[in-house]
Protein backbone atom coordinates (compact mmCIF):
# COMPACT_ATOMS: atom_id res chain seq x y z
CA UNK A 1 -46.79 -16.20 84.97
CA UNK A 2 -50.34 -17.50 84.60
CA UNK A 3 -52.11 -17.66 81.31
CA UNK A 4 -54.40 -14.76 82.21
CA UNK A 5 -51.42 -12.56 83.03
CA UNK A 6 -49.75 -13.26 79.70
CA UNK A 7 -52.92 -12.46 77.84
CA UNK A 8 -53.16 -9.12 79.63
CA UNK A 9 -49.60 -8.20 78.64
CA UNK A 10 -50.26 -9.02 74.95
CA UNK A 11 -53.43 -6.90 74.93
CA UNK A 12 -51.60 -3.93 76.49
CA UNK A 13 -48.75 -4.16 73.94
CA UNK A 14 -51.24 -4.34 71.08
CA UNK A 15 -53.02 -1.20 72.29
CA UNK A 16 -49.72 0.70 72.62
CA UNK A 17 -48.61 -0.33 69.12
CA UNK A 18 -51.95 0.75 67.63
CA UNK A 19 -51.68 4.12 69.35
CA UNK A 20 -48.17 4.71 68.00
CA UNK A 21 -49.23 3.82 64.47
CA UNK A 22 -52.27 6.08 64.72
CA UNK A 23 -50.26 9.05 65.99
CA UNK A 24 -47.64 8.72 63.21
CA UNK A 25 -50.38 9.02 60.55
CA UNK A 26 -50.92 12.76 61.26
CA UNK A 27 -48.62 15.67 60.41
CA UNK A 28 -47.89 18.73 62.44
CA UNK A 29 -50.94 20.53 61.14
CA UNK A 30 -53.26 17.75 62.28
CA UNK A 31 -53.98 16.36 58.83
CA UNK A 32 -53.37 12.84 57.78
CA UNK A 33 -50.39 12.36 55.49
CA UNK A 34 -48.12 9.58 54.37
CA UNK A 35 -50.49 6.68 54.87
CA UNK A 36 -53.30 8.45 53.09
CA UNK A 37 -56.30 6.85 51.56
CA UNK A 38 -55.63 8.39 48.10
CA UNK A 39 -54.35 5.98 45.57
CA UNK A 40 -51.16 6.80 43.70
CA UNK A 41 -51.02 5.82 40.08
CA UNK A 42 -47.75 4.31 38.97
CA UNK A 43 -47.93 6.58 35.87
CA UNK A 44 -48.06 9.78 37.95
CA UNK A 45 -44.36 10.58 38.20
CA UNK A 46 -44.93 13.69 40.25
CA UNK A 47 -46.79 11.77 42.93
CA UNK A 48 -44.28 8.96 42.98
CA UNK A 49 -41.33 11.34 43.33
CA UNK A 50 -42.91 13.21 46.23
CA UNK A 51 -41.62 12.09 49.57
CA UNK A 52 -43.93 10.07 51.72
CA UNK A 53 -44.37 11.38 55.21
CA UNK A 54 -44.60 14.74 56.94
CA UNK A 55 -42.99 17.82 55.35
CA UNK A 56 -40.40 19.30 57.64
CA UNK A 57 -40.06 22.65 55.82
CA UNK A 58 -42.43 24.41 53.43
CA UNK A 59 -39.70 25.69 51.00
CA UNK A 60 -40.54 26.53 47.39
CA UNK A 61 -37.61 26.24 44.97
CA UNK A 62 -37.99 28.32 41.78
CA UNK A 63 -36.53 26.74 38.71
CA UNK A 64 -34.55 29.32 36.66
CA UNK A 65 -34.86 29.35 32.87
CA UNK A 66 -31.56 29.39 31.02
CA UNK A 67 -30.58 32.96 30.03
CA UNK A 68 -30.49 33.84 26.36
CA UNK A 69 -26.89 34.47 25.30
CA UNK A 70 -26.42 37.33 22.83
CA UNK A 71 -23.29 38.60 21.07
CA UNK A 72 -22.77 42.10 22.41
CA UNK A 73 -19.82 42.85 20.10
CA UNK A 74 -20.46 45.72 17.65
CA UNK A 75 -21.03 44.72 14.05
CA UNK A 76 -18.16 45.36 11.72
CA UNK A 77 -19.05 48.06 9.22
CA UNK A 78 -18.21 46.78 5.76
CA UNK A 79 -18.85 49.31 3.04
CA UNK A 80 -19.34 47.75 -0.35
CA UNK A 81 -18.25 50.42 -2.82
CA UNK A 82 -20.17 49.85 -6.00
CA UNK A 83 -20.62 52.51 -8.65
CA UNK A 84 -23.14 51.94 -11.43
CA UNK A 85 -24.24 53.75 -14.56
CA UNK A 86 -27.74 54.93 -15.51
CA UNK A 87 -28.70 51.36 -16.44
CA UNK A 88 -27.54 49.85 -13.16
CA UNK A 89 -24.45 48.23 -14.69
CA UNK A 90 -21.22 48.27 -12.63
CA UNK A 91 -18.66 50.84 -13.74
CA UNK A 92 -15.38 52.26 -12.43
CA UNK A 93 -14.54 55.44 -10.56
CA UNK A 94 -11.36 57.45 -9.86
CA UNK A 95 -10.71 59.38 -6.65
CA UNK A 96 -7.58 61.54 -6.95
CA UNK A 97 -5.74 63.45 -4.23
CA UNK A 98 -3.19 66.07 -5.38
CA UNK A 99 -0.64 67.43 -2.90
CA UNK A 100 2.50 69.54 -2.64
CA UNK A 101 5.81 68.03 -1.55
CA UNK A 102 5.07 68.95 2.07
CA UNK A 103 1.78 67.03 1.93
CA UNK A 104 -0.50 70.09 1.84
CA UNK A 105 -3.48 70.01 -0.58
CA UNK A 106 -2.82 71.25 -4.11
CA UNK A 107 -5.87 73.27 -5.20
CA UNK A 108 -6.81 74.14 -8.80
CA UNK A 109 -4.55 71.58 -10.46
CA UNK A 110 -5.77 70.68 -13.95
CA UNK A 111 -6.83 67.03 -14.28
CA UNK A 112 -7.57 65.59 -17.73
CA UNK A 113 -8.77 62.13 -18.67
CA UNK A 114 -7.94 60.86 -22.16
CA UNK A 115 -9.05 57.82 -24.10
CA UNK A 116 -6.33 55.52 -25.37
CA UNK A 117 -6.33 54.13 -28.90
CA UNK A 118 -4.64 50.99 -30.21
CA UNK A 119 -3.34 50.29 -33.70
CA UNK A 120 -1.07 47.66 -35.22
CA UNK A 121 1.21 50.34 -36.70
CA UNK A 122 1.64 52.88 -33.90
CA UNK A 123 0.67 50.80 -30.88
CA UNK A 124 -1.14 52.50 -27.99
CA UNK A 125 -1.51 56.27 -28.16
CA UNK A 126 -3.41 58.88 -26.22
CA UNK A 127 -6.57 59.92 -28.03
CA UNK A 128 -9.52 62.21 -27.39
CA UNK A 129 -9.99 64.25 -24.24
CA UNK A 130 -12.92 62.74 -22.31
CA UNK A 131 -13.13 64.91 -19.21
CA UNK A 132 -11.35 67.87 -17.62
CA UNK A 133 -11.64 68.97 -13.99
CA UNK A 134 -9.85 71.10 -11.38
CA UNK A 135 -8.80 69.90 -7.95
CA UNK A 136 -10.85 71.39 -5.12
CA UNK A 137 -9.52 73.32 -2.12
CA UNK A 138 -8.74 70.03 -0.38
CA UNK A 139 -6.82 68.82 -3.45
CA UNK A 140 -9.29 66.11 -4.45
CA UNK A 141 -10.97 65.23 -7.74
CA UNK A 142 -13.57 62.54 -8.41
CA UNK A 143 -14.28 61.12 -11.88
CA UNK A 144 -17.28 58.81 -12.01
CA UNK A 145 -19.01 56.35 -14.32
CA UNK A 146 -16.07 55.06 -16.33
CA UNK A 147 -16.17 51.89 -18.38
CA UNK A 148 -13.46 49.66 -16.95
CA UNK A 149 -12.98 47.73 -20.21
CA UNK A 150 -11.59 50.83 -21.96
CA UNK A 151 -8.03 52.18 -21.81
CA UNK A 152 -7.40 55.62 -20.26
CA UNK A 153 -4.61 58.08 -19.49
CA UNK A 154 -4.87 60.54 -16.59
CA UNK A 155 -2.80 63.74 -16.73
CA UNK A 156 -2.29 66.20 -13.87
CA UNK A 157 -0.49 69.55 -14.29
CA UNK A 158 -0.25 73.10 -12.96
CA UNK A 159 1.76 76.19 -13.99
CA UNK A 160 5.31 75.98 -12.69
CA UNK A 161 5.08 72.29 -11.77
CA UNK A 162 6.04 69.12 -13.58
CA UNK A 163 3.25 67.29 -15.29
CA UNK A 164 2.30 63.89 -13.89
CA UNK A 165 0.60 61.18 -15.90
CA UNK A 166 -0.92 57.74 -15.29
CA UNK A 167 -0.53 55.98 -18.62
CA UNK A 168 -2.10 53.52 -18.85
CA UNK A 169 -4.65 53.93 -16.08
CA UNK A 170 -5.91 50.53 -14.92
CA UNK A 171 -9.51 50.44 -13.63
CA UNK A 172 -11.66 47.68 -12.13
CA UNK A 173 -15.41 47.46 -12.73
CA UNK A 174 -17.45 48.23 -9.62
CA UNK A 175 -14.49 49.66 -7.70
CA UNK A 176 -13.07 53.09 -6.84
CA UNK A 177 -9.39 53.58 -7.70
CA UNK A 178 -7.82 55.93 -5.12
CA UNK A 179 -4.72 57.72 -6.42
CA UNK A 180 -2.32 60.22 -4.83
CA UNK A 181 -0.12 62.59 -6.84
CA UNK A 182 2.65 64.85 -5.54
CA UNK A 183 3.39 67.75 -7.92
CA UNK A 184 6.97 69.03 -7.84
CA UNK A 185 8.59 72.11 -9.34
CA UNK A 186 9.79 71.50 -12.89
CA UNK A 187 12.37 72.61 -15.45
CA UNK A 188 11.93 75.78 -17.50
CA UNK A 189 12.68 77.32 -20.86
CA UNK A 190 13.02 81.09 -21.02
CA UNK A 191 14.24 83.59 -23.59
CA UNK A 192 13.43 86.45 -25.92
CA UNK A 193 11.76 86.74 -29.33
CA UNK A 194 13.04 89.39 -31.75
CA UNK A 195 12.73 90.34 -35.42
CA UNK A 196 15.27 88.75 -37.73
CA UNK A 197 15.24 91.91 -39.83
CA UNK A 198 16.21 94.56 -37.28
CA UNK A 199 16.40 92.83 -33.87
CA UNK A 200 13.39 94.64 -32.45
CA UNK A 201 11.48 92.80 -29.75
CA UNK A 202 8.25 91.05 -30.72
CA UNK A 203 5.37 91.47 -28.29
CA UNK A 204 2.62 88.87 -28.07
CA UNK A 205 4.51 86.03 -29.77
CA UNK A 206 3.21 82.61 -28.85
CA UNK A 207 5.66 79.91 -27.76
CA UNK A 208 4.51 76.29 -27.53
CA UNK A 209 6.63 73.51 -26.01
CA UNK A 210 5.95 70.01 -27.36
CA UNK A 211 6.94 66.92 -25.41
CA UNK A 212 8.58 64.60 -27.95
CA UNK A 213 8.29 61.68 -25.54
CA UNK A 214 4.50 62.00 -25.63
CA UNK A 215 2.69 59.72 -28.09
CA UNK A 216 -0.72 61.00 -29.13
CA UNK A 217 -2.99 60.92 -32.16
CA UNK A 218 -3.71 64.65 -31.67
CA UNK A 219 -0.58 66.79 -32.23
CA UNK A 220 -2.05 69.71 -30.27
CA UNK A 221 -2.52 67.44 -27.26
CA UNK A 222 1.26 66.92 -27.14
CA UNK A 223 1.76 70.56 -26.12
CA UNK A 224 3.25 70.40 -22.64
CA UNK A 225 3.09 74.13 -21.90
CA UNK A 226 2.74 77.53 -23.56
CA UNK A 227 3.74 81.14 -22.99
CA UNK A 228 3.38 84.60 -24.58
CA UNK A 229 6.08 87.25 -24.82
CA UNK A 230 5.68 90.37 -22.68
CA UNK A 231 6.40 94.02 -23.60
CA UNK A 232 10.12 93.24 -23.60
CA UNK A 233 9.70 90.29 -25.94
CA UNK A 234 10.60 87.91 -23.09
CA UNK A 235 8.92 84.68 -22.03
CA UNK A 236 9.23 81.95 -19.39
CA UNK A 237 7.74 78.46 -19.69
CA UNK A 238 7.66 76.74 -16.30
CA UNK A 239 6.94 73.27 -14.97
CA UNK A 240 8.48 71.20 -17.76
CA UNK A 241 9.60 67.61 -17.40
CA UNK A 242 13.09 66.48 -18.34
CA UNK A 243 13.48 65.09 -21.84
CA UNK A 244 13.42 66.07 -25.53
CA UNK A 245 11.25 69.03 -26.56
CA UNK A 246 10.19 70.90 -29.68
CA UNK A 247 9.89 74.69 -29.42
CA UNK A 248 7.50 76.40 -31.87
CA UNK A 249 7.02 80.17 -32.11
CA UNK A 250 4.56 82.25 -34.14
CA UNK A 251 3.65 85.94 -34.18
CA UNK A 252 1.40 88.14 -36.27
CA UNK A 253 3.26 89.65 -39.23
CA UNK A 254 6.18 87.23 -38.92
CA UNK A 255 7.09 83.84 -40.20
CA UNK A 256 7.03 80.98 -37.71
CA UNK A 257 10.11 79.31 -36.30
CA UNK A 258 10.52 75.75 -35.04
CA UNK A 259 13.36 74.29 -32.99
CA UNK A 260 12.82 70.59 -33.71
CA UNK A 261 14.88 69.30 -30.80
CA UNK A 262 16.04 70.78 -27.51
CA UNK A 263 16.89 68.73 -24.42
CA UNK A 264 16.09 69.47 -20.81
CA UNK A 265 18.37 67.66 -18.40
CA UNK A 266 19.58 68.00 -14.84
CA UNK A 267 22.59 69.87 -16.26
CA UNK A 268 20.32 72.38 -18.05
CA UNK A 269 17.28 72.89 -15.80
CA UNK A 270 16.84 76.45 -17.11
CA UNK A 271 17.32 76.55 -20.87
CA UNK A 272 17.63 80.08 -22.35
CA UNK A 273 16.81 80.74 -26.01
CA UNK A 274 16.88 83.73 -28.36
CA UNK A 275 14.37 83.27 -31.16
CA UNK A 276 14.54 85.34 -34.35
CA UNK A 277 11.49 85.46 -36.59
CA UNK A 278 11.60 86.42 -40.27
CA UNK A 279 9.06 88.66 -41.89
CA UNK A 280 5.96 86.75 -42.82
CA UNK A 281 2.30 86.93 -43.44
CA UNK A 282 -0.94 85.38 -42.34
CA UNK A 283 -4.29 84.13 -43.59
CA UNK A 284 -7.53 85.31 -42.07
CA UNK A 285 -11.16 84.81 -43.00
CA UNK A 286 -14.63 83.80 -41.91
CA UNK A 287 -16.50 80.49 -42.04
CA UNK A 288 -20.26 80.54 -42.79
CA UNK A 289 -22.95 78.04 -43.73
CA UNK A 290 -25.03 78.00 -46.93
CA UNK A 291 -27.34 80.63 -45.45
CA UNK A 292 -24.49 82.99 -44.60
CA UNK A 293 -24.65 82.35 -40.84
CA UNK A 294 -21.39 82.21 -38.89
CA UNK A 295 -20.08 78.79 -37.88
CA UNK A 296 -18.58 78.89 -34.41
CA UNK A 297 -15.65 76.65 -33.32
CA UNK A 298 -15.01 75.34 -36.84
CA UNK A 299 -11.55 73.77 -37.25
CA UNK A 300 -9.34 75.55 -39.81
CA UNK A 301 -6.05 73.95 -40.81
CA UNK A 302 -3.42 75.71 -42.90
CA UNK A 303 -0.66 73.58 -44.42
CA UNK A 304 1.92 74.40 -47.12
CA UNK A 305 2.01 72.89 -50.56
CA UNK A 306 5.14 70.80 -50.61
CA UNK A 307 8.03 72.33 -52.55
CA UNK A 308 6.35 75.72 -52.96
CA UNK A 309 8.60 77.60 -50.48
CA UNK A 310 11.75 77.49 -48.46
CA UNK A 311 9.90 76.37 -45.33
CA UNK A 312 11.45 74.33 -42.54
CA UNK A 313 10.04 70.79 -42.66
CA UNK A 314 9.18 70.89 -38.94
CA UNK A 315 7.42 74.25 -39.17
CA UNK A 316 4.44 74.62 -36.87
CA UNK A 317 1.00 74.92 -38.43
CA UNK A 318 -1.47 74.77 -35.53
CA UNK A 319 -5.13 74.18 -36.18
CA UNK A 320 -7.38 77.16 -35.54
CA UNK A 321 -10.97 77.40 -34.32
CA UNK A 322 -13.34 80.10 -35.48
CA UNK A 323 -14.57 82.62 -32.89
CA UNK A 324 -18.16 83.64 -32.06
CA UNK A 325 -18.37 85.51 -35.39
CA UNK A 326 -16.95 82.58 -37.37
CA UNK A 327 -13.64 84.40 -37.94
CA UNK A 328 -10.13 82.92 -37.88
CA UNK A 329 -6.53 84.03 -38.41
CA UNK A 330 -3.41 81.95 -39.07
CA UNK A 331 -0.15 83.82 -38.45
CA UNK A 332 3.55 83.07 -38.74
CA UNK A 333 3.43 82.04 -42.40
CA UNK A 334 6.25 82.49 -44.90
CA UNK A 335 5.45 83.48 -48.48
CA UNK A 336 4.26 80.54 -50.58
CA UNK A 337 1.27 78.36 -51.44
CA UNK A 338 -0.95 76.80 -48.77
CA UNK A 339 -3.83 74.39 -48.44
CA UNK A 340 -6.72 75.72 -46.37
């Protein structure tokens, strides 16, 4: 090939190469991309990461934000039982449920809370009555605002049922002590009261049963149950616990009689007694203040002068309270001298 022919071939190839390069510089939409005139900064990461050349598809990818994870479990209900007094100090509380043997609620049961006393000679004994309540129709009783540092005894009873007692009753400050008591039928003492002189029945005699196993600083508080003779001179005392008892009987116009020790056991669940009262007397009167006004609920205690009469050493001399007119009467006394 001549030199002119070779030159022509080179020129043609150069023109074709320039055309190809020029056509590749435009995208499908006729705009120049890829080899653009704009300068890309090396610090512009977005520009550097973008592909160079025509875009094949115009697809927008949405970047999802991470979802917030929440705990959908229900919160556990934790009830903080805290009982406080008027000054905001934590104190204790008792919630009592009284039932029959079959589990049904025991309504109208008597519930009494006593203070306990301590001494070096007699140890721990039940003291003053602090509160008395009755169980509701659902058998429950609530006693609030108790000082946990003190000692208590809780007694539950009802006619015809054995008495139940928490002694001592342990309490924790700031907490509610839930207790359940089942009252069961008890033992009984029954009988008849007659005159020692002629055997005639005595109506309206009062019989008190003392629990000798009960330690208390108040003798009257040791009375487990009481009864009064009917028109036939008969009586029945129900709901007694097993154990040693003292039976005391008094009646107007008669001397009192005391049985210092009788035992209730499984072999003698129904103890029958015939009580004979001697002729006696009584002391009655009225208590007034310096202005002559009646004193209501005054305590009157009658006790014999030692050696002044043939009186049983365990004879019963209950304390008496004056009525609304300030009057009192002590019955069941034998002839002799007495302190009033």
